[in-house]
PDB file of N, CA and C in Angstrom:
ATOM      1  N   MET A   1       0.812  -1.186   0.000  1.00  0.00           N
ATOM      2  CA  MET A   1       0.000   0.000   0.000  1.00  0.00           C
ATOM      3  C   MET A   1       0.865   1.264   0.000  1.00  0.00           C
ATOM      4  N   PHE A   2       1.896   1.299   0.873  1.00  0.00           N
ATOM      5  CA  PHE A   2       2.749   2.477   0.921  1.00  0.00           C
ATOM      6  C   PHE A   2       3.530   2.659  -0.380  1.00  0.00           C
ATOM      7  N   ARG A   3       3.898   1.557  -1.016  1.00  0.00           N
ATOM      8  CA  ARG A   3       4.605   1.673  -2.285  1.00  0.00           C
ATOM      9  C   ARG A   3       3.723   2.377  -3.317  1.00  0.00           C
ATOM     10  N   ALA A   4       2.463   1.993  -3.376  1.00  0.00           N
ATOM     11  CA  ALA A   4       1.541   2.617  -4.333  1.00  0.00           C
ATOM     12  C   ALA A   4       1.308   4.083  -3.981  1.00  0.00           C
ATOM     13  N   LEU A   5       1.150   4.389  -2.699  1.00  0.00           N
ATOM     14  CA  LEU A   5       0.948   5.775  -2.281  1.00  0.00           C
ATOM     15  C   LEU A   5       2.188   6.626  -2.548  1.00  0.00           C
ATOM     16  N   ARG A   6       3.370   6.044  -2.343  1.00  0.00           N
ATOM     17  CA  ARG A   6       4.602   6.772  -2.603  1.00  0.00           C
ATOM     18  C   ARG A   6       4.762   7.068  -4.099  1.00  0.00           C
ATOM     19  N   GLN A   7       4.385   6.128  -4.939  1.00  0.00           N
ATOM     20  CA  GLN A   7       4.473   6.343  -6.381  1.00  0.00           C
ATOM     21  C   GLN A   7       3.520   7.440  -6.843  1.00  0.00           C
ATOM     22  N   GLU A   8       2.416   7.584  -6.179  1.00  0.00           N
ATOM     23  CA  GLU A   8       1.442   8.625  -6.516  1.00  0.00           C
ATOM     24  C   GLU A   8       1.723   9.941  -5.787  1.00  0.00           C
ATOM     25  N   TRP A   9       2.785   9.981  -5.027  1.00  0.00           N
ATOM     26  CA  TRP A   9       3.178  11.165  -4.261  1.00  0.00           C
ATOM     27  C   TRP A   9       2.087  11.601  -3.274  1.00  0.00           C
ATOM     28  N   VAL A  10       1.390  10.637  -2.700  1.00  0.00           N
ATOM     29  CA  VAL A  10       0.364  10.935  -1.715  1.00  0.00           C
ATOM     30  C   VAL A  10       0.971  10.919  -0.311  1.00  0.00           C
ATOM     31  N   VAL A  11       1.977  10.119  -0.095  1.00  0.00           N
ATOM     32  CA  VAL A  11       2.631   9.980   1.197  1.00  0.00           C
ATOM     33  C   VAL A  11       4.063  10.486   1.077  1.00  0.00           C
ATOM     34  N   PHE A  12       4.614  10.928   2.182  1.00  0.00           N
ATOM     35  CA  PHE A  12       5.992  11.382   2.284  1.00  0.00           C
ATOM     36  C   PHE A  12       6.229  12.691   1.542  1.00  0.00           C
ATOM     37  N   ARG A  13       5.239  13.547   1.555  1.00  0.00           N
ATOM     38  CA  ARG A  13       5.419  14.892   1.005  1.00  0.00           C
ATOM     39  C   ARG A  13       5.821  15.817   2.129  1.00  0.00           C
ATOM     40  N   ASP A  14       6.535  16.847   1.779  1.00  0.00           N
ATOM     41  CA  ASP A  14       6.927  17.854   2.758  1.00  0.00           C
ATOM     42  C   ASP A  14       5.767  18.833   2.930  1.00  0.00           C
ATOM     43  N   PRO A  15       5.088  18.858   4.077  1.00  0.00           N
ATOM     44  CA  PRO A  15       3.935  19.750   4.247  1.00  0.00           C
ATOM     45  C   PRO A  15       4.311  21.226   4.283  1.00  0.00           C
ATOM     46  N   THR A  16       5.590  21.553   4.446  1.00  0.00           N
ATOM     47  CA  THR A  16       6.006  22.951   4.509  1.00  0.00           C
ATOM     48  C   THR A  16       6.602  23.443   3.192  1.00  0.00           C
ATOM     49  N   ARG A  17       6.458  22.678   2.133  1.00  0.00           N
ATOM     50  CA  ARG A  17       7.123  23.028   0.881  1.00  0.00           C
ATOM     51  C   ARG A  17       6.598  24.318   0.262  1.00  0.00           C
ATOM     52  N   ASN A  18       5.366  24.718   0.558  1.00  0.00           N
ATOM     53  CA  ASN A  18       4.799  25.940  -0.015  1.00  0.00           C
ATOM     54  C   ASN A  18       5.004  27.165   0.868  1.00  0.00           C
ATOM     55  N   LEU A  19       5.575  26.970   2.034  1.00  0.00           N
ATOM     56  CA  LEU A  19       5.812  28.100   2.936  1.00  0.00           C
ATOM     57  C   LEU A  19       7.093  28.810   2.535  1.00  0.00           C
ATOM     58  N   GLY A  20       7.001  30.083   2.349  1.00  0.00           N
ATOM     59  CA  GLY A  20       8.179  30.863   1.977  1.00  0.00           C
ATOM     60  C   GLY A  20       9.062  31.132   3.171  1.00  0.00           C
ATOM     61  N   GLY A  21      10.361  30.949   3.009  1.00  0.00           N
ATOM     62  CA  GLY A  21      11.302  31.273   4.075  1.00  0.00           C
ATOM     63  C   GLY A  21      11.398  30.231   5.172  1.00  0.00           C
ATOM     64  N   GLY A  22      10.697  29.129   5.092  1.00  0.00           N
ATOM     65  CA  GLY A  22      10.760  28.107   6.113  1.00  0.00           C
ATOM     66  C   GLY A  22       9.943  28.462   7.338  1.00  0.00           C
ATOM     67  N   LEU A  23       9.991  27.612   8.318  1.00  0.00           N
ATOM     68  CA  LEU A  23       9.248  27.832   9.559  1.00  0.00           C
ATOM     69  C   LEU A  23      10.071  28.658  10.528  1.00  0.00           C
ATOM     70  N   PRO A  24       9.430  29.540  11.290  1.00  0.00           N
ATOM     71  CA  PRO A  24      10.187  30.304  12.288  1.00  0.00           C
ATOM     72  C   PRO A  24      10.671  29.393  13.393  1.00  0.00           C
ATOM     73  N   ARG A  25      11.798  29.701  13.937  1.00  0.00           N
ATOM     74  CA  ARG A  25      12.400  28.902  15.002  1.00  0.00           C
ATOM     75  C   ARG A  25      12.471  29.732  16.275  1.00  0.00           C
ATOM     76  N   SER A  26      12.298  29.069  17.409  1.00  0.00           N
ATOM     77  CA  SER A  26      12.464  29.775  18.673  1.00  0.00           C
ATOM     78  C   SER A  26      13.952  29.776  19.038  1.00  0.00           C
ATOM     79  N   VAL A  27      14.308  30.654  19.942  1.00  0.00           N
ATOM     80  CA  VAL A  27      15.700  30.835  20.334  1.00  0.00           C
ATOM     81  C   VAL A  27      16.011  29.884  21.483  1.00  0.00           C
ATOM     82  N   PRO A  28      17.202  29.272  21.511  1.00  0.00           N
ATOM     83  CA  PRO A  28      17.578  28.405  22.633  1.00  0.00           C
ATOM     84  C   PRO A  28      17.556  29.166  23.959  1.00  0.00           C
ATOM     85  N   SER A  29      17.300  28.454  25.046  1.00  0.00           N
ATOM     86  CA  SER A  29      17.094  29.094  26.347  1.00  0.00           C
ATOM     87  C   SER A  29      18.323  29.843  26.846  1.00  0.00           C
ATOM     88  N   GLU A  30      19.527  29.358  26.582  1.00  0.00           N
ATOM     89  CA  GLU A  30      20.721  30.061  27.072  1.00  0.00           C
ATOM     90  C   GLU A  30      20.917  31.389  26.328  1.00  0.00           C
ATOM     91  N   VAL A  31      20.579  31.429  25.042  1.00  0.00           N
ATOM     92  CA  VAL A  31      20.670  32.680  24.282  1.00  0.00           C
ATOM     93  C   VAL A  31      19.587  33.651  24.760  1.00  0.00           C
ATOM     94  N   LEU A  32      18.391  33.119  25.020  1.00  0.00           N
ATOM     95  CA  LEU A  32      17.285  33.943  25.512  1.00  0.00           C
ATOM     96  C   LEU A  32      17.630  34.568  26.859  1.00  0.00           C
ATOM     97  N   ALA A  33      18.218  33.788  27.751  1.00  0.00           N
ATOM     98  CA  ALA A  33      18.601  34.316  29.066  1.00  0.00           C
ATOM     99  C   ALA A  33      19.621  35.443  28.911  1.00  0.00           C
ATOM    100  N   GLY A  34      20.574  35.290  27.990  1.00  0.00           N
ATOM    101  CA  GLY A  34      21.558  36.342  27.745  1.00  0.00           C
ATOM    102  C   GLY A  34      20.924  37.604  27.190  1.00  0.00           C
ATOM    103  N   LEU A  35      19.952  37.440  26.305  1.00  0.00           N
ATOM    104  CA  LEU A  35      19.262  38.608  25.746  1.00  0.00           C
ATOM    105  C   LEU A  35      18.486  39.359  26.815  1.00  0.00           C
ATOM    106  N   LEU A  36      17.786  38.614  27.654  1.00  0.00           N
ATOM    107  CA  LEU A  36      16.941  39.248  28.673  1.00  0.00           C
ATOM    108  C   LEU A  36      17.758  39.950  29.754  1.00  0.00           C
ATOM    109  N   THR A  37      18.986  39.501  30.012  1.00  0.00           N
ATOM    110  CA  THR A  37      19.813  40.188  31.000  1.00  0.00           C
ATOM    111  C   THR A  37      20.329  41.519  30.461  1.00  0.00           C
ATOM    112  N   GLN A  38      20.411  41.656  29.136  1.00  0.00           N
ATOM    113  CA  GLN A  38      20.894  42.898  28.537  1.00  0.00           C
ATOM    114  C   GLN A  38      19.796  43.945  28.392  1.00  0.00           C
ATOM    115  N   VAL A  39      18.542  43.518  28.365  1.00  0.00           N
ATOM    116  CA  VAL A  39      17.416  44.439  28.172  1.00  0.00           C
ATOM    117  C   VAL A  39      16.911  44.897  29.531  1.00  0.00           C
ATOM    118  N   LYS A  40      16.670  46.188  29.661  1.00  0.00           N
ATOM    119  CA  LYS A  40      16.255  46.750  30.959  1.00  0.00           C
ATOM    120  C   LYS A  40      14.799  47.195  30.996  1.00  0.00           C
ATOM    121  N   THR A  41      14.100  47.241  29.863  1.00  0.00           N
ATOM    122  CA  THR A  41      12.739  47.775  29.836  1.00  0.00           C
ATOM    123  C   THR A  41      11.712  46.666  29.668  1.00  0.00           C
ATOM    124  N   ALA A  42      10.496  46.945  30.112  1.00  0.00           N
ATOM    125  CA  ALA A  42       9.396  45.990  29.940  1.00  0.00           C
ATOM    126  C   ALA A  42       9.064  45.807  28.462  1.00  0.00           C
ATOM    127  N   PHE A  43       9.180  46.889  27.702  1.00  0.00           N
ATOM    128  CA  PHE A  43       8.942  46.831  26.258  1.00  0.00           C
ATOM    129  C   PHE A  43       9.909  45.855  25.584  1.00  0.00           C
ATOM    130  N   GLY A  44      11.200  46.021  25.874  1.00  0.00           N
ATOM    131  CA  GLY A  44      12.218  45.160  25.269  1.00  0.00           C
ATOM    132  C   GLY A  44      12.057  43.705  25.655  1.00  0.00           C
ATOM    133  N   CYS A  45      11.754  43.444  26.915  1.00  0.00           N
ATOM    134  CA  CYS A  45      11.567  42.065  27.364  1.00  0.00           C
ATOM    135  C   CYS A  45      10.371  41.411  26.682  1.00  0.00           C
ATOM    136  N   LEU A  46       9.268  42.157  26.534  1.00  0.00           N
ATOM    137  CA  LEU A  46       8.092  41.594  25.877  1.00  0.00           C
ATOM    138  C   LEU A  46       8.366  41.323  24.400  1.00  0.00           C
ATOM    139  N   VAL A  47       9.058  42.228  23.738  1.00  0.00           N
ATOM    140  CA  VAL A  47       9.388  42.011  22.327  1.00  0.00           C
ATOM    141  C   VAL A  47      10.269  40.780  22.173  1.00  0.00           C
ATOM    142  N   ILE A  48      11.267  40.635  23.010  1.00  0.00           N
ATOM    143  CA  ILE A  48      12.146  39.464  22.940  1.00  0.00           C
ATOM    144  C   ILE A  48      11.346  38.189  23.182  1.00  0.00           C
ATOM    145  N   ALA A  49      10.439  38.202  24.149  1.00  0.00           N
ATOM    146  CA  ALA A  49       9.642  37.008  24.430  1.00  0.00           C
ATOM    147  C   ALA A  49       8.736  36.653  23.247  1.00  0.00           C
ATOM    148  N   LEU A  50       8.106  37.645  22.648  1.00  0.00           N
ATOM    149  CA  LEU A  50       7.216  37.362  21.517  1.00  0.00           C
ATOM    150  C   LEU A  50       7.988  36.849  20.304  1.00  0.00           C
ATOM    151  N   VAL A  51       9.133  37.452  20.047  1.00  0.00           N
ATOM    152  CA  VAL A  51       9.900  37.075  18.862  1.00  0.00           C
ATOM    153  C   VAL A  51      10.723  35.813  19.103  1.00  0.00           C
ATOM    154  N   ALA A  52      11.392  35.728  20.254  1.00  0.00           N
ATOM    155  CA  ALA A  52      12.303  34.608  20.495  1.00  0.00           C
ATOM    156  C   ALA A  52      11.608  33.362  21.033  1.00  0.00           C
ATOM    157  N   VAL A  53      10.652  33.529  21.918  1.00  0.00           N
ATOM    158  CA  VAL A  53       9.993  32.366  22.512  1.00  0.00           C
ATOM    159  C   VAL A  53       8.870  31.857  21.621  1.00  0.00           C
ATOM    160  N   HIS A  54       8.027  32.770  21.150  1.00  0.00           N
ATOM    161  CA  HIS A  54       6.863  32.367  20.369  1.00  0.00           C
ATOM    162  C   HIS A  54       7.092  32.448  18.867  1.00  0.00           C
ATOM    163  N   ALA A  55       8.310  32.822  18.451  1.00  0.00           N
ATOM    164  CA  ALA A  55       8.734  32.850  17.048  1.00  0.00           C
ATOM    165  C   ALA A  55       7.808  33.687  16.179  1.00  0.00           C
ATOM    166  N   LEU A  56       7.328  34.806  16.717  1.00  0.00           N
ATOM    167  CA  LEU A  56       6.538  35.724  15.904  1.00  0.00           C
ATOM    168  C   LEU A  56       7.493  36.585  15.092  1.00  0.00           C
ATOM    169  N   PRO A  57       7.274  36.719  13.805  1.00  0.00           N
ATOM    170  CA  PRO A  57       8.115  37.636  13.027  1.00  0.00           C
ATOM    171  C   PRO A  57       7.942  39.062  13.528  1.00  0.00           C
ATOM    172  N   GLY A  58       8.966  39.877  13.364  1.00  0.00           N
ATOM    173  CA  GLY A  58       8.938  41.242  13.861  1.00  0.00           C
ATOM    174  C   GLY A  58       7.794  42.060  13.294  1.00  0.00           C
ATOM    175  N   HIS A  59       7.502  41.887  12.000  1.00  0.00           N
ATOM    176  CA  HIS A  59       6.418  42.671  11.410  1.00  0.00           C
ATOM    177  C   HIS A  59       5.052  42.248  11.943  1.00  0.00           C
ATOM    178  N   VAL A  60       4.923  41.022  12.411  1.00  0.00           N
ATOM    179  CA  VAL A  60       3.663  40.566  13.020  1.00  0.00           C
ATOM    180  C   VAL A  60       3.547  41.110  14.439  1.00  0.00           C
ATOM    181  N   ALA A  61       4.643  41.094  15.194  1.00  0.00           N
ATOM    182  CA  ALA A  61       4.624  41.603  16.566  1.00  0.00           C
ATOM    183  C   ALA A  61       4.291  43.094  16.593  1.00  0.00           C
ATOM    184  N   CYS A  62       4.747  43.831  15.586  1.00  0.00           N
ATOM    185  CA  CYS A  62       4.479  45.277  15.538  1.00  0.00           C
ATOM    186  C   CYS A  62       3.023  45.601  15.237  1.00  0.00           C
ATOM    187  N   THR A  63       2.298  44.668  14.658  1.00  0.00           N
ATOM    188  CA  THR A  63       0.905  44.931  14.290  1.00  0.00           C
ATOM    189  C   THR A  63      -0.092  44.412  15.322  1.00  0.00           C
ATOM    190  N   LEU A  64       0.389  43.860  16.439  1.00  0.00           N
ATOM    191  CA  LEU A  64      -0.525  43.377  17.477  1.00  0.00           C
ATOM    192  C   LEU A  64      -1.266  44.546  18.109  1.00  0.00           C
ATOM    193  N   LEU A  65      -2.543  44.363  18.326  1.00  0.00           N
ATOM    194  CA  LEU A  65      -3.366  45.378  18.986  1.00  0.00           C
ATOM    195  C   LEU A  65      -3.545  45.010  20.451  1.00  0.00           C
ATOM    196  N   THR A  66      -3.870  46.002  21.280  1.00  0.00           N
ATOM    197  CA  THR A  66      -4.097  45.710  22.695  1.00  0.00           C
ATOM    198  C   THR A  66      -5.291  44.786  22.868  1.00  0.00           C
ATOM    199  N   GLU A  67      -6.270  44.877  21.975  1.00  0.00           N
ATOM    200  CA  GLU A  67      -7.436  43.986  22.084  1.00  0.00           C
ATOM    201  C   GLU A  67      -7.099  42.553  21.667  1.00  0.00           C
ATOM    202  N   ASP A  68      -5.972  42.332  20.985  1.00  0.00           N
ATOM    203  CA  ASP A  68      -5.546  40.979  20.628  1.00  0.00           C
ATOM    204  C   ASP A  68      -5.011  40.211  21.831  1.00  0.00           C
ATOM    205  N   LEU A  69      -4.539  40.941  22.833  1.00  0.00           N
ATOM    206  CA  LEU A  69      -3.991  40.323  24.040  1.00  0.00           C
ATOM    207  C   LEU A  69      -5.102  40.099  25.052  1.00  0.00           C
ATOM    208  N   ASP A  70      -5.278  38.865  25.480  1.00  0.00           N
ATOM    209  CA  ASP A  70      -6.284  38.526  26.490  1.00  0.00           C
ATOM    210  C   ASP A  70      -5.556  37.905  27.679  1.00  0.00           C
ATOM    211  N   LEU A  71      -5.279  38.723  28.688  1.00  0.00           N
ATOM    212  CA  LEU A  71      -4.531  38.229  29.847  1.00  0.00           C
ATOM    213  C   LEU A  71      -5.331  37.247  30.689  1.00  0.00           C
ATOM    214  N   SER A  72      -6.650  37.376  30.707  1.00  0.00           N
ATOM    215  CA  SER A  72      -7.452  36.449  31.504  1.00  0.00           C
ATOM    216  C   SER A  72      -7.370  35.024  30.950  1.00  0.00           C
ATOM    217  N   ARG A  73      -7.255  34.903  29.654  1.00  0.00           N
ATOM    218  CA  ARG A  73      -7.111  33.576  29.031  1.00  0.00           C
ATOM    219  C   ARG A  73      -5.659  33.219  28.760  1.00  0.00           C
ATOM    220  N   GLY A  74      -4.779  34.207  28.814  1.00  0.00           N
ATOM    221  CA  GLY A  74      -3.365  33.977  28.530  1.00  0.00           C
ATOM    222  C   GLY A  74      -3.107  33.719  27.059  1.00  0.00           C
ATOM    223  N   THR A  75      -3.795  34.468  26.185  1.00  0.00           N
ATOM    224  CA  THR A  75      -3.657  34.260  24.747  1.00  0.00           C
ATOM    225  C   THR A  75      -3.412  35.573  24.020  1.00  0.00           C
ATOM    226  N   VAL A  76      -2.890  35.448  22.818  1.00  0.00           N
ATOM    227  CA  VAL A  76      -2.739  36.562  21.884  1.00  0.00           C
ATOM    228  C   VAL A  76      -3.285  36.080  20.547  1.00  0.00           C
ATOM    229  N   GLN A  77      -4.169  36.875  19.947  1.00  0.00           N
ATOM    230  CA  GLN A  77      -4.681  36.578  18.610  1.00  0.00           C
ATOM    231  C   GLN A  77      -3.730  37.216  17.599  1.00  0.00           C
ATOM    232  N   VAL A  78      -3.168  36.400  16.730  1.00  0.00           N
ATOM    233  CA  VAL A  78      -2.181  36.861  15.765  1.00  0.00           C
ATOM    234  C   VAL A  78      -2.747  36.709  14.363  1.00  0.00           C
ATOM    235  N   CYS A  79      -2.652  37.782  13.570  1.00  0.00           N
ATOM    236  CA  CYS A  79      -3.069  37.732  12.163  1.00  0.00           C
ATOM    237  C   CYS A  79      -1.856  37.432  11.310  1.00  0.00           C
ATOM    238  N   ARG A  80      -1.918  36.343  10.584  1.00  0.00           N
ATOM    239  CA  ARG A  80      -0.887  36.001   9.607  1.00  0.00           C
ATOM    240  C   ARG A  80      -1.574  35.811   8.273  1.00  0.00           C
ATOM    241  N   ARG A  81      -1.240  36.706   7.380  1.00  0.00           N
ATOM    242  CA  ARG A  81      -1.922  36.792   6.089  1.00  0.00           C
ATOM    243  C   ARG A  81      -3.404  37.006   6.340  1.00  0.00           C
ATOM    244  N   LEU A  82      -4.265  36.097   5.929  1.00  0.00           N
ATOM    245  CA  LEU A  82      -5.704  36.274   6.132  1.00  0.00           C
ATOM    246  C   LEU A  82      -6.239  35.442   7.291  1.00  0.00           C
ATOM    247  N   LEU A  83      -5.385  34.701   7.960  1.00  0.00           N
ATOM    248  CA  LEU A  83      -5.804  33.807   9.032  1.00  0.00           C
ATOM    249  C   LEU A  83      -5.490  34.399  10.402  1.00  0.00           C
ATOM    250  N   ARG A  84      -6.300  34.049  11.384  1.00  0.00           N
ATOM    251  CA  ARG A  84      -6.054  34.442  12.771  1.00  0.00           C
ATOM    252  C   ARG A  84      -5.663  33.189  13.556  1.00  0.00           C
ATOM    253  N   HIS A  85      -4.580  33.303  14.290  1.00  0.00           N
ATOM    254  CA  HIS A  85      -4.080  32.198  15.099  1.00  0.00           C
ATOM    255  C   HIS A  85      -4.096  32.606  16.562  1.00  0.00           C
ATOM    256  N   THR A  86      -4.329  31.646  17.417  1.00  0.00           N
ATOM    257  CA  THR A  86      -4.272  31.876  18.855  1.00  0.00           C
ATOM    258  C   THR A  86      -2.930  31.387  19.367  1.00  0.00           C
ATOM    259  N   VAL A  87      -2.188  32.284  19.984  1.00  0.00           N
ATOM    260  CA  VAL A  87      -0.914  31.936  20.604  1.00  0.00           C
ATOM    261  C   VAL A  87      -1.147  31.894  22.100  1.00  0.00           C
ATOM    262  N   TYR A  88      -0.866  30.757  22.707  1.00  0.00           N
ATOM    263  CA  TYR A  88      -1.038  30.592  24.151  1.00  0.00           C
ATOM    264  C   TYR A  88       0.254  30.998  24.849  1.00  0.00           C
ATOM    265  N   LEU A  89       0.130  31.936  25.763  1.00  0.00           N
ATOM    266  CA  LEU A  89       1.294  32.462  26.460  1.00  0.00           C
ATOM    267  C   LEU A  89       1.624  31.607  27.671  1.00  0.00           C
ATOM    268  N   GLU A  90       2.901  31.289  27.812  1.00  0.00           N
ATOM    269  CA  GLU A  90       3.319  30.596  29.018  1.00  0.00           C
ATOM    270  C   GLU A  90       3.464  31.635  30.128  1.00  0.00           C
ATOM    271  N   GLU A  91       3.710  31.216  31.337  1.00  0.00           N
ATOM    272  CA  GLU A  91       3.690  32.098  32.503  1.00  0.00           C
ATOM    273  C   GLU A  91       4.681  33.257  32.375  1.00  0.00           C
ATOM    274  N   PHE A  92       5.861  32.997  31.827  1.00  0.00           N
ATOM    275  CA  PHE A  92       6.893  34.022  31.706  1.00  0.00           C
ATOM    276  C   PHE A  92       6.438  35.157  30.785  1.00  0.00           C
ATOM    277  N   THR A  93       5.977  34.831  29.589  1.00  0.00           N
ATOM    278  CA  THR A  93       5.528  35.855  28.646  1.00  0.00           C
ATOM    279  C   THR A  93       4.257  36.532  29.139  1.00  0.00           C
ATOM    280  N   HIS A  94       3.399  35.791  29.800  1.00  0.00           N
ATOM    281  CA  HIS A  94       2.179  36.351  30.370  1.00  0.00           C
ATOM    282  C   HIS A  94       2.533  37.445  31.378  1.00  0.00           C
ATOM    283  N   GLN A  95       3.516  37.180  32.238  1.00  0.00           N
ATOM    284  CA  GLN A  95       3.932  38.168  33.229  1.00  0.00           C
ATOM    285  C   GLN A  95       4.576  39.379  32.566  1.00  0.00           C
ATOM    286  N   LEU A  96       5.368  39.147  31.518  1.00  0.00           N
ATOM    287  CA  LEU A  96       5.978  40.268  30.798  1.00  0.00           C
ATOM    288  C   LEU A  96       4.919  41.135  30.127  1.00  0.00           C
ATOM    289  N   ALA A  97       3.890  40.524  29.570  1.00  0.00           N
ATOM    290  CA  ALA A  97       2.800  41.273  28.937  1.00  0.00           C
ATOM    291  C   ALA A  97       2.038  42.091  29.978  1.00  0.00           C
ATOM    292  N   ALA A  98       1.782  41.502  31.135  1.00  0.00           N
ATOM    293  CA  ALA A  98       1.095  42.230  32.206  1.00  0.00           C
ATOM    294  C   ALA A  98       1.943  43.397  32.697  1.00  0.00           C
ATOM    295  N   ASP A  99       3.247  43.181  32.832  1.00  0.00           N
ATOM    296  CA  ASP A  99       4.149  44.263  33.249  1.00  0.00           C
ATOM    297  C   ASP A  99       4.164  45.388  32.222  1.00  0.00           C
ATOM    298  N   TRP A 100       4.179  45.030  30.928  1.00  0.00           N
ATOM    299  CA  TRP A 100       4.182  46.048  29.872  1.00  0.00           C
ATOM    300  C   TRP A 100       2.887  46.855  29.897  1.00  0.00           C
ATOM    301  N   LEU A 101       1.750  46.189  30.036  1.00  0.00           N
ATOM    302  CA  LEU A 101       0.483  46.917  30.062  1.00  0.00           C
ATOM    303  C   LEU A 101       0.394  47.847  31.267  1.00  0.00           C
ATOM    304  N   THR A 102       0.905  47.399  32.407  1.00  0.00           N
ATOM    305  CA  THR A 102       0.918  48.238  33.597  1.00  0.00           C
ATOM    306  C   THR A 102       1.795  49.464  33.379  1.00  0.00           C
ATOM    307  N   TYR A 103       2.976  49.240  32.838  1.00  0.00           N
ATOM    308  CA  TYR A 103       3.882  50.358  32.560  1.00  0.00           C
ATOM    309  C   TYR A 103       3.275  51.304  31.535  1.00  0.00           C
ATOM    310  N   ARG A 104       2.706  50.752  30.477  1.00  0.00           N
ATOM    311  CA  ARG A 104       2.122  51.575  29.424  1.00  0.00           C
ATOM    312  C   ARG A 104       0.993  52.447  29.987  1.00  0.00           C
ATOM    313  N   HIS A 105       0.132  51.860  30.808  1.00  0.00           N
ATOM    314  CA  HIS A 105      -0.977  52.625  31.379  1.00  0.00           C
ATOM    315  C   HIS A 105      -0.477  53.706  32.346  1.00  0.00           C
ATOM    316  N   ARG A 106       0.547  53.378  33.115  1.00  0.00           N
ATOM    317  CA  ARG A 106       1.103  54.358  34.041  1.00  0.00           C
ATOM    318  C   ARG A 106       1.811  55.496  33.301  1.00  0.00           C
ATOM    319  N   ARG A 107       2.521  55.164  32.236  1.00  0.00           N
ATOM    320  CA  ARG A 107       3.290  56.163  31.490  1.00  0.00           C
ATOM    321  C   ARG A 107       2.412  57.024  30.587  1.00  0.00           C
ATOM    322  N   TRP A 108       1.456  56.399  29.883  1.00  0.00           N
ATOM    323  CA  TRP A 108       0.596  57.125  28.950  1.00  0.00           C
ATOM    324  C   TRP A 108      -0.871  56.790  29.247  1.00  0.00           C
ATOM    325  N   PRO A 109      -1.434  57.300  30.322  1.00  0.00           N
ATOM    326  CA  PRO A 109      -2.802  56.930  30.699  1.00  0.00           C
ATOM    327  C   PRO A 109      -3.862  57.392  29.697  1.00  0.00           C
ATOM    328  N   ALA A 110      -3.585  58.435  28.940  1.00  0.00           N
ATOM    329  CA  ALA A 110      -4.578  58.957  27.996  1.00  0.00           C
ATOM    330  C   ALA A 110      -4.333  58.481  26.564  1.00  0.00           C
ATOM    331  N   SER A 111      -3.456  57.522  26.386  1.00  0.00           N
ATOM    332  CA  SER A 111      -3.131  57.053  25.039  1.00  0.00           C
ATOM    333  C   SER A 111      -4.312  56.296  24.427  1.00  0.00           C
ATOM    334  N   ALA A 112      -4.651  56.683  23.205  1.00  0.00           N
ATOM    335  CA  ALA A 112      -5.715  56.000  22.474  1.00  0.00           C
ATOM    336  C   ALA A 112      -5.145  55.132  21.360  1.00  0.00           C
ATOM    337  N   ASN A 113      -3.831  54.972  21.331  1.00  0.00           N
ATOM    338  CA  ASN A 113      -3.187  54.167  20.300  1.00  0.00           C
ATOM    339  C   ASN A 113      -3.610  52.705  20.475  1.00  0.00           C
ATOM    340  N   PRO A 114      -4.154  52.075  19.424  1.00  0.00           N
ATOM    341  CA  PRO A 114      -4.670  50.708  19.570  1.00  0.00           C
ATOM    342  C   PRO A 114      -3.586  49.632  19.568  1.00  0.00           C
ATOM    343  N   TYR A 115      -2.358  49.982  19.191  1.00  0.00           N
ATOM    344  CA  TYR A 115      -1.302  48.973  19.090  1.00  0.00           C
ATOM    345  C   TYR A 115      -0.759  48.607  20.460  1.00  0.00           C
ATOM    346  N   LEU A 116      -0.403  47.337  20.608  1.00  0.00           N
ATOM    347  CA  LEU A 116       0.121  46.838  21.874  1.00  0.00           C
ATOM    348  C   LEU A 116       1.503  47.427  22.160  1.00  0.00           C
ATOM    349  N   LEU A 117       2.364  47.419  21.169  1.00  0.00           N
ATOM    350  CA  LEU A 117       3.727  47.890  21.335  1.00  0.00           C
ATOM    351  C   LEU A 117       3.817  49.322  20.826  1.00  0.00           C
ATOM    352  N   VAL A 118       4.004  50.246  21.740  1.00  0.00           N
ATOM    353  CA  VAL A 118       4.103  51.652  21.387  1.00  0.00           C
ATOM    354  C   VAL A 118       5.377  52.230  21.976  1.00  0.00           C
ATOM    355  N   SER A 119       5.813  53.332  21.385  1.00  0.00           N
ATOM    356  CA  SER A 119       6.985  54.044  21.885  1.00  0.00           C
ATOM    357  C   SER A 119       6.543  55.396  22.415  1.00  0.00           C
ATOM    358  N   GLN A 120       7.490  56.165  22.889  1.00  0.00           N
ATOM    359  CA  GLN A 120       7.163  57.486  23.399  1.00  0.00           C
ATOM    360  C   GLN A 120       6.551  58.356  22.297  1.00  0.00           C
ATOM    361  N   ARG A 121       7.054  58.187  21.093  1.00  0.00           N
ATOM    362  CA  ARG A 121       6.563  58.987  19.974  1.00  0.00           C
ATOM    363  C   ARG A 121       5.170  58.505  19.496  1.00  0.00           C
ATOM    364  N   SER A 122       4.981  57.189  19.426  1.00  0.00           N
ATOM    365  CA  SER A 122       3.722  56.671  18.853  1.00  0.00           C
ATOM    366  C   SER A 122       2.595  56.541  19.881  1.00  0.00           C
ATOM    367  N   ALA A 123       2.885  56.634  21.145  1.00  0.00           N
ATOM    368  CA  ALA A 123       1.839  56.438  22.160  1.00  0.00           C
ATOM    369  C   ALA A 123       0.758  57.496  22.086  1.00  0.00           C
ATOM    370  N   LEU A 124       1.102  58.703  21.717  1.00  0.00           N
ATOM    371  CA  LEU A 124       0.137  59.779  21.716  1.00  0.00           C
ATOM    372  C   LEU A 124      -0.396  60.087  20.331  1.00  0.00           C
ATOM    373  N   ASP A 125       0.004  59.307  19.328  1.00  0.00           N
ATOM    374  CA  ASP A 125      -0.526  59.498  17.964  1.00  0.00           C
ATOM    375  C   ASP A 125      -1.848  58.788  17.789  1.00  0.00           C
TER     376      ASP A 125
END
């Protein structure tokens, strides 16, 4: 049976062959620990966690909205192309996200910017 399926190219196909650029990879834990010791801000730590731990591309992390983050469920809704994916946050990233939201609210309480990751310049735009 497998011989016939292999001849018809039904089995043993690479399911990622149509994905451009390959699959994103997470960063090894020792490299992640080194990165986090160098970063001093809640913003930087959250960005590193989203990109290095959850392998979100930088352009996807920049487009996250505050409404995409659900701390009560510990999830982030991520838009990739036309699809929405649910990313489940582990305790470490969940705490970093909560710290960032607390800092953001304390620093810019009147900010109406819908994006999760904002800077001093973009918070009031």
